[in-house]
């Protein structure tokens, strides 16, 4: 599943959780990645655990905050993975091959 699709699915989940409910999820669907126990439902607890893990991954110096540099380092790493020929540009072919190694 695309990195950007996950980011875009997040606001929908936040709205559902704000309303006090759980969100239906399918394993290959937009929120399947958040369904820790694979029961087809993303609970508030599963969602909060996911958010905490993502925060911890971004907070590389473990100071309890995410600096601009820490945040941008993740995006730089994504760019490096996509730029397969290391020419400083991402072509449509490189973007298409993202999931293939």
PDB file of N, CA and C in Angstrom:
ATOM      1  N   UNK A   1       0.850  -1.178   0.000  1.00  0.00           N
ATOM      2  CA  UNK A   1       0.000   0.000   0.000  1.00  0.00           C
ATOM      3  C   UNK A   1       0.889   1.233   0.000  1.00  0.00           C
ATOM      4  N   UNK A   2       0.495   2.183  -0.751  1.00  0.00           N
ATOM      5  CA  UNK A   2       1.305   3.386  -0.914  1.00  0.00           C
ATOM      6  C   UNK A   2       1.403   4.203   0.370  1.00  0.00           C
ATOM      7  N   UNK A   3       2.559   4.770   0.553  1.00  0.00           N
ATOM      8  CA  UNK A   3       2.818   5.643   1.710  1.00  0.00           C
ATOM      9  C   UNK A   3       1.798   6.779   1.752  1.00  0.00           C
ATOM     10  N   UNK A   4       1.529   7.393   0.609  1.00  0.00           N
ATOM     11  CA  UNK A   4       0.613   8.528   0.548  1.00  0.00           C
ATOM     12  C   UNK A   4      -0.825   8.102   0.789  1.00  0.00           C
ATOM     13  N   UNK A   5      -1.199   6.894   0.347  1.00  0.00           N
ATOM     14  CA  UNK A   5      -2.554   6.417   0.587  1.00  0.00           C
ATOM     15  C   UNK A   5      -2.794   6.252   2.081  1.00  0.00           C
ATOM     16  N   UNK A   6      -1.782   5.770   2.788  1.00  0.00           N
ATOM     17  CA  UNK A   6      -1.904   5.628   4.242  1.00  0.00           C
ATOM     18  C   UNK A   6      -2.089   6.985   4.903  1.00  0.00           C
ATOM     19  N   UNK A   7      -1.347   7.961   4.442  1.00  0.00           N
ATOM     20  CA  UNK A   7      -1.473   9.307   4.997  1.00  0.00           C
ATOM     21  C   UNK A   7      -2.868   9.857   4.745  1.00  0.00           C
ATOM     22  N   UNK A   8      -3.411   9.626   3.575  1.00  0.00           N
ATOM     23  CA  UNK A   8      -4.734  10.146   3.240  1.00  0.00           C
ATOM     24  C   UNK A   8      -5.850   9.402   3.971  1.00  0.00           C
ATOM     25  N   UNK A   9      -5.632   8.132   4.318  1.00  0.00           N
ATOM     26  CA  UNK A   9      -6.644   7.366   5.053  1.00  0.00           C
ATOM     27  C   UNK A   9      -6.713   7.802   6.512  1.00  0.00           C
ATOM     28  N   UNK A  10      -5.652   8.397   7.012  1.00  0.00           N
ATOM     29  CA  UNK A  10      -5.585   8.797   8.407  1.00  0.00           C
ATOM     30  C   UNK A  10      -6.682   9.783   8.803  1.00  0.00           C
ATOM     31  N   UNK A  11      -6.957  10.856   8.034  1.00  0.00           N
ATOM     32  CA  UNK A  11      -8.021  11.781   8.446  1.00  0.00           C
ATOM     33  C   UNK A  11      -9.388  11.112   8.579  1.00  0.00           C
ATOM     34  N   UNK A  12      -9.692  10.162   7.717  1.00  0.00           N
ATOM     35  CA  UNK A  12     -10.973   9.455   7.810  1.00  0.00           C
ATOM     36  C   UNK A  12     -11.061   8.678   9.113  1.00  0.00           C
ATOM     37  N   UNK A  13      -9.968   8.034   9.481  1.00  0.00           N
ATOM     38  CA  UNK A  13      -9.957   7.284  10.731  1.00  0.00           C
ATOM     39  C   UNK A  13     -10.082   8.220  11.925  1.00  0.00           C
ATOM     40  N   UNK A  14      -9.395   9.342  11.881  1.00  0.00           N
ATOM     41  CA  UNK A  14      -9.484  10.299  12.982  1.00  0.00           C
ATOM     42  C   UNK A  14     -10.906  10.800  13.179  1.00  0.00           C
ATOM     43  N   UNK A  15     -11.605  11.070  12.091  1.00  0.00           N
ATOM     44  CA  UNK A  15     -12.997  11.518  12.200  1.00  0.00           C
ATOM     45  C   UNK A  15     -13.868  10.450  12.842  1.00  0.00           C
ATOM     46  N   UNK A  16     -13.667   9.208  12.439  1.00  0.00           N
ATOM     47  CA  UNK A  16     -14.469   8.116  13.011  1.00  0.00           C
ATOM     48  C   UNK A  16     -14.172   7.951  14.494  1.00  0.00           C
ATOM     49  N   UNK A  17     -12.904   8.018  14.864  1.00  0.00           N
ATOM     50  CA  UNK A  17     -12.549   7.873  16.271  1.00  0.00           C
ATOM     51  C   UNK A  17     -13.061   9.052  17.091  1.00  0.00           C
ATOM     52  N   UNK A  18     -13.051  10.246  16.512  1.00  0.00           N
ATOM     53  CA  UNK A  18     -13.569  11.426  17.210  1.00  0.00           C
ATOM     54  C   UNK A  18     -15.049  11.260  17.523  1.00  0.00           C
ATOM     55  N   UNK A  19     -15.745  10.529  16.664  1.00  0.00           N
ATOM     56  CA  UNK A  19     -17.164  10.279  16.875  1.00  0.00           C
ATOM     57  C   UNK A  19     -17.377   9.164  17.902  1.00  0.00           C
ATOM     58  N   UNK A  20     -16.281   8.572  18.380  1.00  0.00           N
ATOM     59  CA  UNK A  20     -16.383   7.570  19.439  1.00  0.00           C
ATOM     60  C   UNK A  20     -16.509   6.149  18.960  1.00  0.00           C
ATOM     61  N   UNK A  21     -16.297   5.899  17.684  1.00  0.00           N
ATOM     62  CA  UNK A  21     -16.491   4.556  17.173  1.00  0.00           C
ATOM     63  C   UNK A  21     -15.213   3.882  16.744  1.00  0.00           C
ATOM     64  N   UNK A  22     -15.373   2.671  16.278  1.00  0.00           N
ATOM     65  CA  UNK A  22     -14.280   1.918  15.673  1.00  0.00           C
ATOM     66  C   UNK A  22     -14.454   2.029  14.170  1.00  0.00           C
ATOM     67  N   UNK A  23     -13.453   1.629  13.431  1.00  0.00           N
ATOM     68  CA  UNK A  23     -13.484   1.730  11.983  1.00  0.00           C
ATOM     69  C   UNK A  23     -13.356   0.339  11.397  1.00  0.00           C
ATOM     70  N   UNK A  24     -14.230   0.015  10.435  1.00  0.00           N
ATOM     71  CA  UNK A  24     -14.120  -1.259   9.734  1.00  0.00           C
ATOM     72  C   UNK A  24     -12.852  -1.250   8.903  1.00  0.00           C
ATOM     73  N   UNK A  25     -12.154  -2.360   8.884  1.00  0.00           N
ATOM     74  CA  UNK A  25     -10.908  -2.448   8.113  1.00  0.00           C
ATOM     75  C   UNK A  25     -10.831  -3.803   7.435  1.00  0.00           C
ATOM     76  N   UNK A  26     -10.336  -3.806   6.226  1.00  0.00           N
ATOM     77  CA  UNK A  26     -10.080  -5.049   5.518  1.00  0.00           C
ATOM     78  C   UNK A  26      -8.574  -5.199   5.400  1.00  0.00           C
ATOM     79  N   UNK A  27      -8.054  -6.426   5.466  1.00  0.00           N
ATOM     80  CA  UNK A  27      -6.611  -6.628   5.472  1.00  0.00           C
ATOM     81  C   UNK A  27      -5.868  -5.890   4.358  1.00  0.00           C
ATOM     82  N   UNK A  28      -6.435  -5.813   3.169  1.00  0.00           N
ATOM     83  CA  UNK A  28      -5.768  -5.146   2.066  1.00  0.00           C
ATOM     84  C   UNK A  28      -6.366  -3.765   1.813  1.00  0.00           C
ATOM     85  N   UNK A  29      -7.270  -3.326   2.681  1.00  0.00           N
ATOM     86  CA  UNK A  29      -7.938  -2.054   2.513  1.00  0.00           C
ATOM     87  C   UNK A  29      -7.147  -0.908   3.100  1.00  0.00           C
ATOM     88  N   UNK A  30      -7.738   0.293   3.068  1.00  0.00           N
ATOM     89  CA  UNK A  30      -7.015   1.482   3.495  1.00  0.00           C
ATOM     90  C   UNK A  30      -6.623   1.516   4.968  1.00  0.00           C
ATOM     91  N   UNK A  31      -7.310   0.771   5.820  1.00  0.00           N
ATOM     92  CA  UNK A  31      -6.948   0.777   7.239  1.00  0.00           C
ATOM     93  C   UNK A  31      -6.503  -0.590   7.745  1.00  0.00           C
ATOM     94  N   UNK A  32      -6.335  -1.535   6.847  1.00  0.00           N
ATOM     95  CA  UNK A  32      -5.911  -2.875   7.246  1.00  0.00           C
ATOM     96  C   UNK A  32      -4.584  -2.880   7.973  1.00  0.00           C
ATOM     97  N   UNK A  33      -3.709  -1.958   7.630  1.00  0.00           N
ATOM     98  CA  UNK A  33      -2.395  -1.843   8.262  1.00  0.00           C
ATOM     99  C   UNK A  33      -2.504  -1.471   9.732  1.00  0.00           C
ATOM    100  N   UNK A  34      -3.644  -0.919  10.156  1.00  0.00           N
ATOM    101  CA  UNK A  34      -3.803  -0.494  11.545  1.00  0.00           C
ATOM    102  C   UNK A  34      -4.523  -1.536  12.392  1.00  0.00           C
ATOM    103  N   UNK A  35      -5.040  -2.579  11.767  1.00  0.00           N
ATOM    104  CA  UNK A  35      -5.822  -3.604  12.453  1.00  0.00           C
ATOM    105  C   UNK A  35      -4.878  -4.653  13.047  1.00  0.00           C
ATOM    106  N   UNK A  36      -4.373  -4.390  14.246  1.00  0.00           N
ATOM    107  CA  UNK A  36      -3.327  -5.218  14.858  1.00  0.00           C
ATOM    108  C   UNK A  36      -3.743  -6.674  15.040  1.00  0.00           C
ATOM    109  N   UNK A  37      -4.977  -6.921  15.449  1.00  0.00           N
ATOM    110  CA  UNK A  37      -5.393  -8.307  15.695  1.00  0.00           C
ATOM    111  C   UNK A  37      -6.142  -8.926  14.520  1.00  0.00           C
ATOM    112  N   UNK A  38      -6.219  -8.210  13.409  1.00  0.00           N
ATOM    113  CA  UNK A  38      -6.818  -8.695  12.151  1.00  0.00           C
ATOM    114  C   UNK A  38      -8.252  -9.194  12.315  1.00  0.00           C
ATOM    115  N   UNK A  39      -9.022  -8.480  13.137  1.00  0.00           N
ATOM    116  CA  UNK A  39     -10.419  -8.869  13.320  1.00  0.00           C
ATOM    117  C   UNK A  39     -11.361  -8.077  12.414  1.00  0.00           C
ATOM    118  N   UNK A  40     -10.805  -7.241  11.551  1.00  0.00           N
ATOM    119  CA  UNK A  40     -11.626  -6.467  10.624  1.00  0.00           C
ATOM    120  C   UNK A  40     -12.105  -5.144  11.178  1.00  0.00           C
ATOM    121  N   UNK A  41     -11.676  -4.801  12.401  1.00  0.00           N
ATOM    122  CA  UNK A  41     -12.080  -3.554  13.049  1.00  0.00           C
ATOM    123  C   UNK A  41     -10.842  -2.894  13.644  1.00  0.00           C
ATOM    124  N   UNK A  42     -10.689  -1.600  13.414  1.00  0.00           N
ATOM    125  CA  UNK A  42      -9.612  -0.846  14.049  1.00  0.00           C
ATOM    126  C   UNK A  42     -10.230  -0.108  15.230  1.00  0.00           C
ATOM    127  N   UNK A  43      -9.817  -0.500  16.421  1.00  0.00           N
ATOM    128  CA  UNK A  43     -10.333   0.140  17.629  1.00  0.00           C
ATOM    129  C   UNK A  43      -9.505   1.388  17.936  1.00  0.00           C
ATOM    130  N   UNK A  44     -10.033   2.215  18.809  1.00  0.00           N
ATOM    131  CA  UNK A  44      -9.279   3.400  19.239  1.00  0.00           C
ATOM    132  C   UNK A  44      -7.942   2.980  19.846  1.00  0.00           C
ATOM    133  N   UNK A  45      -7.925   1.903  20.635  1.00  0.00           N
ATOM    134  CA  UNK A  45      -6.683   1.439  21.258  1.00  0.00           C
ATOM    135  C   UNK A  45      -5.653   1.026  20.204  1.00  0.00           C
ATOM    136  N   UNK A  46      -6.082   0.269  19.177  1.00  0.00           N
ATOM    137  CA  UNK A  46      -5.162  -0.122  18.113  1.00  0.00           C
ATOM    138  C   UNK A  46      -4.615   1.109  17.392  1.00  0.00           C
ATOM    139  N   UNK A  47      -5.491   2.056  17.145  1.00  0.00           N
ATOM    140  CA  UNK A  47      -5.089   3.267  16.445  1.00  0.00           C
ATOM    141  C   UNK A  47      -4.094   4.071  17.276  1.00  0.00           C
ATOM    142  N   UNK A  48      -4.361   4.219  18.570  1.00  0.00           N
ATOM    143  CA  UNK A  48      -3.451   4.967  19.445  1.00  0.00           C
ATOM    144  C   UNK A  48      -2.094   4.268  19.560  1.00  0.00           C
ATOM    145  N   UNK A  49      -2.088   2.942  19.621  1.00  0.00           N
ATOM    146  CA  UNK A  49      -0.830   2.199  19.671  1.00  0.00           C
ATOM    147  C   UNK A  49      -0.025   2.425  18.397  1.00  0.00           C
ATOM    148  N   UNK A  50      -0.714   2.425  17.267  1.00  0.00           N
ATOM    149  CA  UNK A  50      -0.053   2.672  15.985  1.00  0.00           C
ATOM    150  C   UNK A  50       0.551   4.070  15.956  1.00  0.00           C
ATOM    151  N   UNK A  51      -0.218   5.064  16.396  1.00  0.00           N
ATOM    152  CA  UNK A  51       0.292   6.439  16.421  1.00  0.00           C
ATOM    153  C   UNK A  51       1.531   6.545  17.313  1.00  0.00           C
ATOM    154  N   UNK A  52       1.502   5.876  18.460  1.00  0.00           N
ATOM    155  CA  UNK A  52       2.638   5.922  19.381  1.00  0.00           C
ATOM    156  C   UNK A  52       3.877   5.280  18.749  1.00  0.00           C
ATOM    157  N   UNK A  53       3.697   4.155  18.069  1.00  0.00           N
ATOM    158  CA  UNK A  53       4.835   3.497  17.405  1.00  0.00           C
ATOM    159  C   UNK A  53       5.406   4.378  16.306  1.00  0.00           C
ATOM    160  N   UNK A  54       4.539   5.020  15.527  1.00  0.00           N
ATOM    161  CA  UNK A  54       5.019   5.902  14.457  1.00  0.00           C
ATOM    162  C   UNK A  54       5.759   7.101  15.037  1.00  0.00           C
ATOM    163  N   UNK A  55       5.239   7.669  16.109  1.00  0.00           N
ATOM    164  CA  UNK A  55       5.915   8.791  16.753  1.00  0.00           C
ATOM    165  C   UNK A  55       7.296   8.358  17.222  1.00  0.00           C
ATOM    166  N   UNK A  56       7.365   7.217  17.890  1.00  0.00           N
ATOM    167  CA  UNK A  56       8.641   6.724  18.404  1.00  0.00           C
ATOM    168  C   UNK A  56       9.642   6.479  17.280  1.00  0.00           C
ATOM    169  N   UNK A  57       9.158   5.993  16.142  1.00  0.00           N
ATOM    170  CA  UNK A  57      10.049   5.765  15.001  1.00  0.00           C
ATOM    171  C   UNK A  57      10.615   7.076  14.461  1.00  0.00           C
ATOM    172  N   UNK A  58       9.784   8.120  14.436  1.00  0.00           N
ATOM    173  CA  UNK A  58      10.239   9.417  13.929  1.00  0.00           C
ATOM    174  C   UNK A  58      11.129  10.154  14.930  1.00  0.00           C
ATOM    175  N   UNK A  59      10.895   9.959  16.215  1.00  0.00           N
ATOM    176  CA  UNK A  59      11.675  10.632  17.261  1.00  0.00           C
ATOM    177  C   UNK A  59      12.991   9.879  17.453  1.00  0.00           C
ATOM    178  N   UNK A  60      13.897  10.019  16.499  1.00  0.00           N
ATOM    179  CA  UNK A  60      15.116   9.215  16.483  1.00  0.00           C
ATOM    180  C   UNK A  60      16.060   9.518  17.634  1.00  0.00           C
ATOM    181  N   UNK A  61      16.051  10.733  18.165  1.00  0.00           N
ATOM    182  CA  UNK A  61      16.938  11.042  19.291  1.00  0.00           C
ATOM    183  C   UNK A  61      16.245  10.838  20.644  1.00  0.00           C
ATOM    184  N   UNK A  62      14.995  10.389  20.605  1.00  0.00           N
ATOM    185  CA  UNK A  62      14.220  10.013  21.805  1.00  0.00           C
ATOM    186  C   UNK A  62      14.113  11.133  22.831  1.00  0.00           C
ATOM    187  N   UNK A  63      13.915  12.383  22.337  1.00  0.00           N
ATOM    188  CA  UNK A  63      13.753  13.506  23.263  1.00  0.00           C
ATOM    189  C   UNK A  63      12.287  13.862  23.503  1.00  0.00           C
ATOM    190  N   UNK A  64      11.374  13.056  22.965  1.00  0.00           N
ATOM    191  CA  UNK A  64       9.948  13.294  23.182  1.00  0.00           C
ATOM    192  C   UNK A  64       9.324  14.276  22.207  1.00  0.00           C
ATOM    193  N   UNK A  65      10.092  14.751  21.242  1.00  0.00           N
ATOM    194  CA  UNK A  65       9.571  15.629  20.194  1.00  0.00           C
ATOM    195  C   UNK A  65      10.141  15.192  18.854  1.00  0.00           C
ATOM    196  N   UNK A  66       9.469  15.612  17.784  1.00  0.00           N
ATOM    197  CA  UNK A  66       9.958  15.330  16.439  1.00  0.00           C
ATOM    198  C   UNK A  66      10.382  16.657  15.822  1.00  0.00           C
ATOM    199  N   UNK A  67      11.667  16.781  15.590  1.00  0.00           N
ATOM    200  CA  UNK A  67      12.177  18.001  14.973  1.00  0.00           C
ATOM    201  C   UNK A  67      11.925  17.966  13.467  1.00  0.00           C
ATOM    202  N   UNK A  68      12.049  19.109  12.849  1.00  0.00           N
ATOM    203  CA  UNK A  68      11.931  19.187  11.391  1.00  0.00           C
ATOM    204  C   UNK A  68      12.942  18.248  10.730  1.00  0.00           C
ATOM    205  N   UNK A  69      14.146  18.215  11.265  1.00  0.00           N
ATOM    206  CA  UNK A  69      15.191  17.367  10.695  1.00  0.00           C
ATOM    207  C   UNK A  69      14.821  15.883  10.790  1.00  0.00           C
ATOM    208  N   UNK A  70      14.280  15.475  11.941  1.00  0.00           N
ATOM    209  CA  UNK A  70      13.863  14.083  12.095  1.00  0.00           C
ATOM    210  C   UNK A  70      12.743  13.754  11.113  1.00  0.00           C
ATOM    211  N   UNK A  71      11.791  14.666  10.995  1.00  0.00           N
ATOM    212  CA  UNK A  71      10.661  14.445  10.088  1.00  0.00           C
ATOM    213  C   UNK A  71      11.130  14.369   8.640  1.00  0.00           C
ATOM    214  N   UNK A  72      11.984  15.292   8.243  1.00  0.00           N
ATOM    215  CA  UNK A  72      12.444  15.349   6.863  1.00  0.00           C
ATOM    216  C   UNK A  72      13.385  14.188   6.526  1.00  0.00           C
ATOM    217  N   UNK A  73      14.079  13.648   7.512  1.00  0.00           N
ATOM    218  CA  UNK A  73      14.979  12.520   7.267  1.00  0.00           C
ATOM    219  C   UNK A  73      14.198  11.320   6.742  1.00  0.00           C
ATOM    220  N   UNK A  74      12.997  11.117   7.248  1.00  0.00           N
ATOM    221  CA  UNK A  74      12.173   9.993   6.767  1.00  0.00           C
ATOM    222  C   UNK A  74      11.799  10.198   5.311  1.00  0.00           C
ATOM    223  N   UNK A  75      11.435  11.415   4.956  1.00  0.00           N
ATOM    224  CA  UNK A  75      11.085  11.700   3.563  1.00  0.00           C
ATOM    225  C   UNK A  75      12.310  11.569   2.664  1.00  0.00           C
ATOM    226  N   UNK A  76      13.480  11.987   3.168  1.00  0.00           N
ATOM    227  CA  UNK A  76      14.712  11.851   2.389  1.00  0.00           C
ATOM    228  C   UNK A  76      15.023  10.377   2.150  1.00  0.00           C
ATOM    229  N   UNK A  77      14.788   9.548   3.159  1.00  0.00           N
ATOM    230  CA  UNK A  77      15.023   8.109   3.008  1.00  0.00           C
ATOM    231  C   UNK A  77      14.084   7.521   1.961  1.00  0.00           C
ATOM    232  N   UNK A  78      12.830   7.963   1.950  1.00  0.00           N
ATOM    233  CA  UNK A  78      11.874   7.501   0.938  1.00  0.00           C
ATOM    234  C   UNK A  78      12.360   7.908  -0.445  1.00  0.00           C
ATOM    235  N   UNK A  79      12.804   9.149  -0.596  1.00  0.00           N
ATOM    236  CA  UNK A  79      13.314   9.613  -1.882  1.00  0.00           C
ATOM    237  C   UNK A  79      14.484   8.740  -2.335  1.00  0.00           C
ATOM    238  N   UNK A  80      15.390   8.453  -1.424  1.00  0.00           N
ATOM    239  CA  UNK A  80      16.558   7.633  -1.777  1.00  0.00           C
ATOM    240  C   UNK A  80      16.145   6.235  -2.233  1.00  0.00           C
ATOM    241  N   UNK A  81      15.138   5.664  -1.583  1.00  0.00           N
ATOM    242  CA  UNK A  81      14.663   4.335  -1.996  1.00  0.00           C
ATOM    243  C   UNK A  81      14.037   4.387  -3.377  1.00  0.00           C
ATOM    244  N   UNK A  82      13.288   5.447  -3.660  1.00  0.00           N
ATOM    245  CA  UNK A  82      12.618   5.554  -4.955  1.00  0.00           C
ATOM    246  C   UNK A  82      13.589   5.860  -6.093  1.00  0.00           C
ATOM    247  N   UNK A  83      14.607   6.644  -5.831  1.00  0.00           N
ATOM    248  CA  UNK A  83      15.578   7.041  -6.853  1.00  0.00           C
ATOM    249  C   UNK A  83      16.570   5.903  -7.083  1.00  0.00           C
ATOM    250  N   UNK A  84      16.115   4.887  -7.790  1.00  0.00           N
ATOM    251  CA  UNK A  84      16.910   3.667  -7.962  1.00  0.00           C
ATOM    252  C   UNK A  84      18.231   3.879  -8.688  1.00  0.00           C
ATOM    253  N   UNK A  85      18.256   4.779  -9.669  1.00  0.00           N
ATOM    254  CA  UNK A  85      19.509   4.988 -10.411  1.00  0.00           C
ATOM    255  C   UNK A  85      20.373   6.087  -9.789  1.00  0.00           C
ATOM    256  N   UNK A  86      19.926   6.638  -8.664  1.00  0.00           N
ATOM    257  CA  UNK A  86      20.684   7.623  -7.874  1.00  0.00           C
ATOM    258  C   UNK A  86      21.114   8.835  -8.694  1.00  0.00           C
ATOM    259  N   UNK A  87      20.200   9.304  -9.578  1.00  0.00           N
ATOM    260  CA  UNK A  87      20.509  10.493 -10.367  1.00  0.00           C
ATOM    261  C   UNK A  87      19.890  11.760  -9.783  1.00  0.00           C
ATOM    262  N   UNK A  88      19.273  11.653  -8.607  1.00  0.00           N
ATOM    263  CA  UNK A  88      18.669  12.816  -7.962  1.00  0.00           C
ATOM    264  C   UNK A  88      17.284  13.150  -8.473  1.00  0.00           C
ATOM    265  N   UNK A  89      16.708  12.254  -9.267  1.00  0.00           N
ATOM    266  CA  UNK A  89      15.359  12.450  -9.815  1.00  0.00           C
ATOM    267  C   UNK A  89      14.601  11.129  -9.760  1.00  0.00           C
ATOM    268  N   UNK A  90      13.283  11.231  -9.619  1.00  0.00           N
ATOM    269  CA  UNK A  90      12.437  10.036  -9.618  1.00  0.00           C
ATOM    270  C   UNK A  90      11.621  10.049 -10.892  1.00  0.00           C
ATOM    271  N   UNK A  91      11.785   9.028 -11.694  1.00  0.00           N
ATOM    272  CA  UNK A  91      11.031   8.899 -12.945  1.00  0.00           C
ATOM    273  C   UNK A  91       9.735   8.142 -12.681  1.00  0.00           C
ATOM    274  N   UNK A  92       8.781   8.218 -13.619  1.00  0.00           N
ATOM    275  CA  UNK A  92       7.553   7.419 -13.456  1.00  0.00           C
ATOM    276  C   UNK A  92       7.854   5.928 -13.309  1.00  0.00           C
ATOM    277  N   UNK A  93       8.849   5.434 -14.027  1.00  0.00           N
ATOM    278  CA  UNK A  93       9.219   4.017 -13.919  1.00  0.00           C
ATOM    279  C   UNK A  93       9.716   3.690 -12.509  1.00  0.00           C
ATOM    280  N   UNK A  94      10.545   4.545 -11.941  1.00  0.00           N
ATOM    281  CA  UNK A  94      11.040   4.312 -10.582  1.00  0.00           C
ATOM    282  C   UNK A  94       9.894   4.360  -9.581  1.00  0.00           C
ATOM    283  N   UNK A  95       8.978   5.286  -9.762  1.00  0.00           N
ATOM    284  CA  UNK A  95       7.826   5.406  -8.871  1.00  0.00           C
ATOM    285  C   UNK A  95       6.952   4.165  -8.969  1.00  0.00           C
ATOM    286  N   UNK A  96       6.758   3.683 -10.190  1.00  0.00           N
ATOM    287  CA  UNK A  96       5.929   2.493 -10.424  1.00  0.00           C
ATOM    288  C   UNK A  96       6.548   1.257  -9.779  1.00  0.00           C
ATOM    289  N   UNK A  97       7.857   1.184  -9.765  1.00  0.00           N
ATOM    290  CA  UNK A  97       8.562   0.024  -9.235  1.00  0.00           C
ATOM    291  C   UNK A  97       8.788   0.099  -7.744  1.00  0.00           C
ATOM    292  N   UNK A  98       8.167   1.038  -7.064  1.00  0.00           N
ATOM    293  CA  UNK A  98       8.425   1.279  -5.639  1.00  0.00           C
ATOM    294  C   UNK A  98       8.402   0.005  -4.802  1.00  0.00           C
ATOM    295  N   UNK A  99       7.361  -0.807  -4.981  1.00  0.00           N
ATOM    296  CA  UNK A  99       7.223  -1.993  -4.154  1.00  0.00           C
ATOM    297  C   UNK A  99       8.084  -3.165  -4.596  1.00  0.00           C
ATOM    298  N   UNK A 100       8.706  -3.061  -5.747  1.00  0.00           N
ATOM    299  CA  UNK A 100       9.529  -4.169  -6.270  1.00  0.00           C
ATOM    300  C   UNK A 100      10.988  -3.874  -6.010  1.00  0.00           C
ATOM    301  N   UNK A 101      11.701  -4.869  -5.608  1.00  0.00           N
ATOM    302  CA  UNK A 101      13.139  -4.685  -5.323  1.00  0.00           C
ATOM    303  C   UNK A 101      13.981  -5.442  -6.286  1.00  0.00           C
TER     304      UNK A 101
END
